[in-house]
Protein backbone atom coordinates (compact mmCIF):
# COMPACT_ATOMS: atom_id res chain seq x y z
CA UNK A 1 -0.10 0.10 0.00
CA UNK A 2 1.18 3.48 -0.86
CA UNK A 3 1.13 5.92 1.75
CA UNK A 4 0.52 9.39 0.06
CA UNK A 5 0.63 12.74 1.91
CA UNK A 6 -1.61 15.32 0.72
CA UNK A 7 -1.13 19.09 0.10
CA UNK A 8 -4.38 21.08 -0.35
CA UNK A 9 -3.74 24.41 -1.92
CA UNK A 10 -5.77 27.57 -1.50
CA UNK A 11 -4.42 31.17 -2.57
CA UNK A 12 -1.04 29.45 -3.01
CA UNK A 13 -0.79 28.44 0.68
CA UNK A 14 -1.07 24.88 2.17
CA UNK A 15 -4.44 24.45 4.00
CA UNK A 16 -7.05 22.11 5.40
CA UNK A 17 -10.79 22.11 5.18
CA UNK A 18 -13.20 20.67 7.47
CA UNK A 19 -15.73 18.29 5.35
CA UNK A 20 -14.99 20.56 2.60
CA UNK A 21 -16.24 23.88 3.95
CA UNK A 22 -14.48 26.91 2.95
CA UNK A 23 -15.59 28.87 5.90
CA UNK A 24 -13.74 26.34 7.98
CA UNK A 25 -10.18 26.64 6.80
CA UNK A 26 -6.96 26.36 8.58
CA UNK A 27 -3.59 27.62 7.01
CA UNK A 28 -0.09 26.18 7.76
CA UNK A 29 3.21 27.91 7.75
CA UNK A 30 5.11 26.01 4.88
CA UNK A 31 5.04 27.02 1.23
CA UNK A 32 3.65 24.14 -0.96
CA UNK A 33 7.09 23.57 -2.21
CA UNK A 34 8.59 23.42 1.19
CA UNK A 35 5.97 20.94 2.51
CA UNK A 36 6.52 18.99 -0.90
CA UNK A 37 10.34 18.60 -0.20
CA UNK A 38 9.68 17.64 3.43
CA UNK A 39 7.56 14.77 2.40
CA UNK A 40 10.38 13.74 -0.11
CA UNK A 41 13.00 14.11 2.64
CA UNK A 42 11.35 11.41 4.62
CA UNK A 43 11.19 8.85 1.80
CA UNK A 44 7.61 9.56 0.42
CA UNK A 45 7.52 8.91 -3.34
CA UNK A 46 4.04 10.15 -4.28
CA UNK A 47 2.32 13.18 -3.30
CA UNK A 48 -1.48 14.11 -3.58
CA UNK A 49 -2.41 17.71 -4.46
CA UNK A 50 -5.65 19.43 -4.73
CA UNK A 51 -6.15 23.06 -6.07
CA UNK A 52 -9.24 23.79 -3.85
CA UNK A 53 -9.87 27.49 -5.68
CA UNK A 54 -9.64 25.61 -8.82
CA UNK A 55 -12.15 23.38 -7.65
CA UNK A 56 -14.34 26.07 -6.54
CA UNK A 57 -14.17 28.26 -9.60
CA UNK A 58 -13.48 25.60 -12.35
CA UNK A 59 -9.96 27.69 -13.13
CA UNK A 60 -6.86 26.42 -11.98
CA UNK A 61 -5.05 28.66 -9.53
CA UNK A 62 -2.08 26.41 -8.27
CA UNK A 63 -0.09 25.62 -11.48
CA UNK A 64 3.10 27.66 -10.41
CA UNK A 65 3.27 25.87 -7.12
CA UNK A 66 2.82 22.35 -8.87
CA UNK A 67 5.33 23.35 -11.50
CA UNK A 68 8.01 24.06 -8.99
CA UNK A 69 7.26 20.89 -7.14
CA UNK A 70 7.74 18.92 -10.35
CA UNK A 71 10.94 20.72 -11.19
CA UNK A 72 12.66 20.31 -7.90
CA UNK A 73 11.54 17.26 -6.32
CA UNK A 74 11.33 13.63 -7.74
CA UNK A 75 7.92 13.23 -6.48
CA UNK A 76 5.17 11.43 -8.55
CA UNK A 77 2.20 14.11 -8.69
CA UNK A 78 -1.71 13.32 -8.57
CA UNK A 79 -3.22 16.52 -9.04
CA UNK A 80 -7.04 17.43 -8.78
CA UNK A 81 -9.33 20.78 -8.68
CA UNK A 82 -10.36 22.48 -11.65
CA UNK A 83 -10.36 19.98 -14.36
CA UNK A 84 -13.67 20.76 -16.46
CA UNK A 85 -12.99 19.59 -19.96
CA UNK A 86 -10.64 17.93 -22.22
CA UNK A 87 -8.63 20.81 -22.53
CA UNK A 88 -7.92 21.41 -18.89
CA UNK A 89 -6.86 18.00 -18.47
CA UNK A 90 -4.43 17.83 -21.12
CA UNK A 91 -2.97 21.02 -19.79
CA UNK A 92 -2.17 19.22 -16.77
CA UNK A 93 -0.46 16.36 -18.67
CA UNK A 94 1.51 18.77 -20.70
CA UNK A 95 2.99 20.06 -17.32
CA UNK A 96 4.17 16.46 -16.33
CA UNK A 97 1.62 15.69 -13.91
CA UNK A 98 1.64 12.05 -13.18
CA UNK A 99 -1.99 11.42 -12.56
CA UNK A 100 -4.86 13.73 -13.25
CA UNK A 101 -7.75 13.40 -10.57
CA UNK A 102 -11.17 13.77 -12.19
CA UNK A 103 -14.32 14.18 -10.14
CA UNK A 104 -17.41 16.06 -11.12
CA UNK A 105 -16.63 15.95 -14.88
CA UNK A 106 -17.14 12.12 -15.02
CA UNK A 107 -20.58 12.64 -13.77
CA UNK A 108 -21.79 15.87 -15.44
CA UNK A 109 -19.89 15.82 -18.61
CA UNK A 110 -19.32 12.20 -19.57
CA UNK A 111 -18.61 13.29 -23.32
CA UNK A 112 -15.58 15.35 -22.11
CA UNK A 113 -14.61 12.56 -19.57
CA UNK A 114 -14.62 9.82 -22.36
CA UNK A 115 -12.62 11.98 -24.51
CA UNK A 116 -9.86 12.26 -22.06
CA UNK A 117 -9.88 8.72 -21.27
CA UNK A 118 -9.68 7.98 -25.20
CA UNK A 119 -6.88 10.19 -25.51
CA UNK A 120 -4.78 9.37 -22.63
CA UNK A 121 -3.86 6.05 -21.01
CA UNK A 122 -6.82 5.23 -18.49
CA UNK A 123 -4.03 4.55 -15.72
CA UNK A 124 -3.00 8.11 -15.73
CA UNK A 125 -6.48 9.05 -14.66
CA UNK A 126 -7.77 8.76 -11.10
CA UNK A 127 -11.55 9.17 -10.71
CA UNK A 128 -12.67 10.79 -7.25
CA UNK A 129 -15.46 9.46 -6.06
CA UNK A 130 -16.83 11.54 -3.23
CA UNK A 131 -19.30 9.51 -1.14
CA UNK A 132 -21.98 10.42 1.49
CA UNK A 133 -24.22 7.25 2.50
CA UNK A 134 -22.96 5.39 -0.44
CA UNK A 135 -24.25 8.11 -2.90
CA UNK A 136 -22.11 10.17 -5.18
CA UNK A 137 -21.60 14.09 -4.43
CA UNK A 138 -20.11 16.46 -7.08
CA UNK A 139 -19.28 20.10 -7.44
CA UNK A 140 -16.97 20.27 -4.38
CA UNK A 141 -19.55 17.87 -2.47
CA UNK A 142 -22.39 20.69 -2.67
CA UNK A 143 -24.45 18.77 -5.22
CA UNK A 144 -26.31 15.49 -4.51
CA UNK A 145 -26.74 12.83 -7.42
CA UNK A 146 -28.72 9.86 -7.81
CA UNK A 147 -25.61 7.65 -8.63
CA UNK A 148 -24.35 5.09 -6.21
CA UNK A 149 -20.59 4.73 -5.69
CA UNK A 150 -20.98 1.23 -7.25
CA UNK A 151 -22.76 2.19 -10.36
CA UNK A 152 -20.15 5.06 -10.88
CA UNK A 153 -17.29 2.56 -10.43
CA UNK A 154 -18.88 0.25 -12.80
CA UNK A 155 -19.27 3.15 -15.45
CA UNK A 156 -15.89 4.05 -15.08
CA UNK A 157 -14.27 0.71 -14.94
CA UNK A 158 -15.87 -0.18 -18.12
CA UNK A 159 -14.13 2.59 -19.89
CA UNK A 160 -10.73 1.09 -18.63
CA UNK A 161 -10.22 3.36 -15.54
CA UNK A 162 -8.67 1.23 -12.46
CA UNK A 163 -7.76 3.92 -10.03
CA UNK A 164 -10.49 5.43 -7.74
CA UNK A 165 -10.13 7.92 -4.79
CA UNK A 166 -12.76 7.22 -2.79
CA UNK A 167 -13.60 9.70 -0.02
CA UNK A 168 -16.10 9.54 2.87
CA UNK A 169 -16.89 13.12 3.00
CA UNK A 170 -18.58 12.98 6.31
CA UNK A 171 -15.24 12.09 7.79
CA UNK A 172 -12.94 14.10 5.86
CA UNK A 173 -10.73 16.71 7.74
CA UNK A 174 -12.59 15.41 10.99
CA UNK A 175 -9.86 13.39 12.45
CA UNK A 176 -12.37 10.87 13.55
CA UNK A 177 -11.24 7.74 11.86
CA UNK A 178 -11.64 6.35 8.27
CA UNK A 179 -14.43 4.42 7.09
CA UNK A 180 -13.24 0.99 6.84
CA UNK A 181 -16.47 -0.76 6.24
CA UNK A 182 -17.02 1.26 3.02
CA UNK A 183 -13.70 0.54 1.68
CA UNK A 184 -13.87 -3.37 2.48
CA UNK A 185 -17.51 -3.41 0.61
CA UNK A 186 -15.92 -1.44 -2.51
CA UNK A 187 -12.89 -4.02 -2.55
CA UNK A 188 -14.73 -6.86 -2.14
CA UNK A 189 -17.28 -5.86 -5.20
CA UNK A 190 -14.24 -4.67 -7.20
CA UNK A 191 -10.97 -6.51 -6.12
CA UNK A 192 -9.14 -5.55 -9.40
CA UNK A 193 -9.44 -1.83 -9.15
CA UNK A 194 -6.80 0.26 -7.36
CA UNK A 195 -8.54 1.87 -4.61
CA UNK A 196 -7.13 4.93 -3.06
CA UNK A 197 -8.66 5.33 0.43
CA UNK A 198 -9.46 8.94 1.73
CA UNK A 199 -10.83 10.80 4.44
CA UNK A 200 -10.88 10.87 8.11
CA UNK A 201 -7.14 9.38 8.99
CA UNK A 202 -6.67 10.45 12.50
CA UNK A 203 -3.37 8.53 13.62
CA UNK A 204 -0.74 5.80 12.70
CA UNK A 205 -3.16 3.04 14.09
CA UNK A 206 -5.73 4.17 11.68
CA UNK A 207 -3.33 3.95 8.83
CA UNK A 208 -2.42 0.55 9.89
CA UNK A 209 -5.80 -0.67 9.78
CA UNK A 210 -6.41 0.80 6.27
CA UNK A 211 -3.31 -1.38 5.39
CA UNK A 212 -4.78 -4.61 6.55
CA UNK A 213 -7.44 -4.51 3.86
CA UNK A 214 -4.85 -4.00 1.14
CA UNK A 215 -5.84 -0.98 -0.87
CA UNK A 216 -3.56 0.39 -3.59
CA UNK A 217 -3.12 3.39 -1.47
CA UNK A 218 -4.19 5.69 1.39
CA UNK A 219 -4.16 9.67 1.51
CA UNK A 220 -3.05 11.15 4.78
CA UNK A 221 -3.47 14.99 5.28
CA UNK A 222 -4.69 16.76 8.27
CA UNK A 223 -3.40 14.53 10.89
CA UNK A 224 -0.04 15.32 9.45
CA UNK A 225 -0.42 18.85 9.69
CA UNK A 226 -2.15 18.75 13.27
CA UNK A 227 0.78 16.71 14.34
CA UNK A 228 -1.33 13.64 15.42
CA UNK A 229 0.89 11.65 13.08
CA UNK A 230 4.67 11.59 13.14
CA UNK A 231 6.20 11.75 9.54
CA UNK A 232 9.21 9.56 10.43
CA UNK A 233 7.02 6.78 12.06
CA UNK A 234 4.46 6.94 8.94
CA UNK A 235 7.07 6.65 6.43
CA UNK A 236 8.54 3.30 8.21
CA UNK A 237 4.88 1.70 8.02
CA UNK A 238 5.23 -1.30 5.64
CA UNK A 239 2.09 -2.92 4.65
C-alpha cells in the first residue's frame, strides 16, 4: 500500500478544510514547495495535491506551485481541482503531472470525460468518488446525485479506469477515523481496482487498519499537519 501525503492549496498556501467547508479553513506555515520537499526528505515517493480554488471556480489557481514541485523534487504528483474539460486535463498532462484526478466531470460531462480517457492511458486518470451514505456527490460536495458509488465505479471501470480515489466526505478533515467498512465493501465488489482510500485518517493505528484490507494507497492529510502523526513513523510503515 502506498502512503500518499496530501497538500491542499488555496491562495497558494497549504491549508486544510473541515468536511470541504471553505468557511472552516486552516492555514499552515510552509509553502507548497517546502512541504513537498519535507515529504520527499522522509522518503515518500508520491504526493496528492488538490487545487481548492480551482475546484471551486473551475479555473486552475495552483499551477505555479505544482510546476515548482515537479521541477525541484522527484515526487510523483497526482493533481485535482478545476478539471472541467478535455482541454484542462491535457494542460495538466503537458506540465508533467503523473496522474490527473477527475471528479465532477465524470458525472456531469461524460462526453468530455470519455474523450480524456480515449486520448490518454486510463492508468494516468484517477476518478475521485466523493461519497455520502454510498451516494456520489459532486461540485465540491455541494450537489447530490442519484448515482451510487457502485454504479459510478462500474461506468468508469468499463472505460478502462482502474484507479479510484474514494472519500467518505462525512469524515474528511474530521480526524475521527476512516470508514474501513465502506472500503472493504468496495474492494469486495471490485477486487481488481486500485482503491485509494481517503477521508478521516486520525493516527498511525488508523493507517495500519487501512493497510490490513490492502488497498492500492491511502491519503494522509490533516493528521500530519495537526501533528497527530509523526512523519518518520508514517514513512516506516510497511503494509
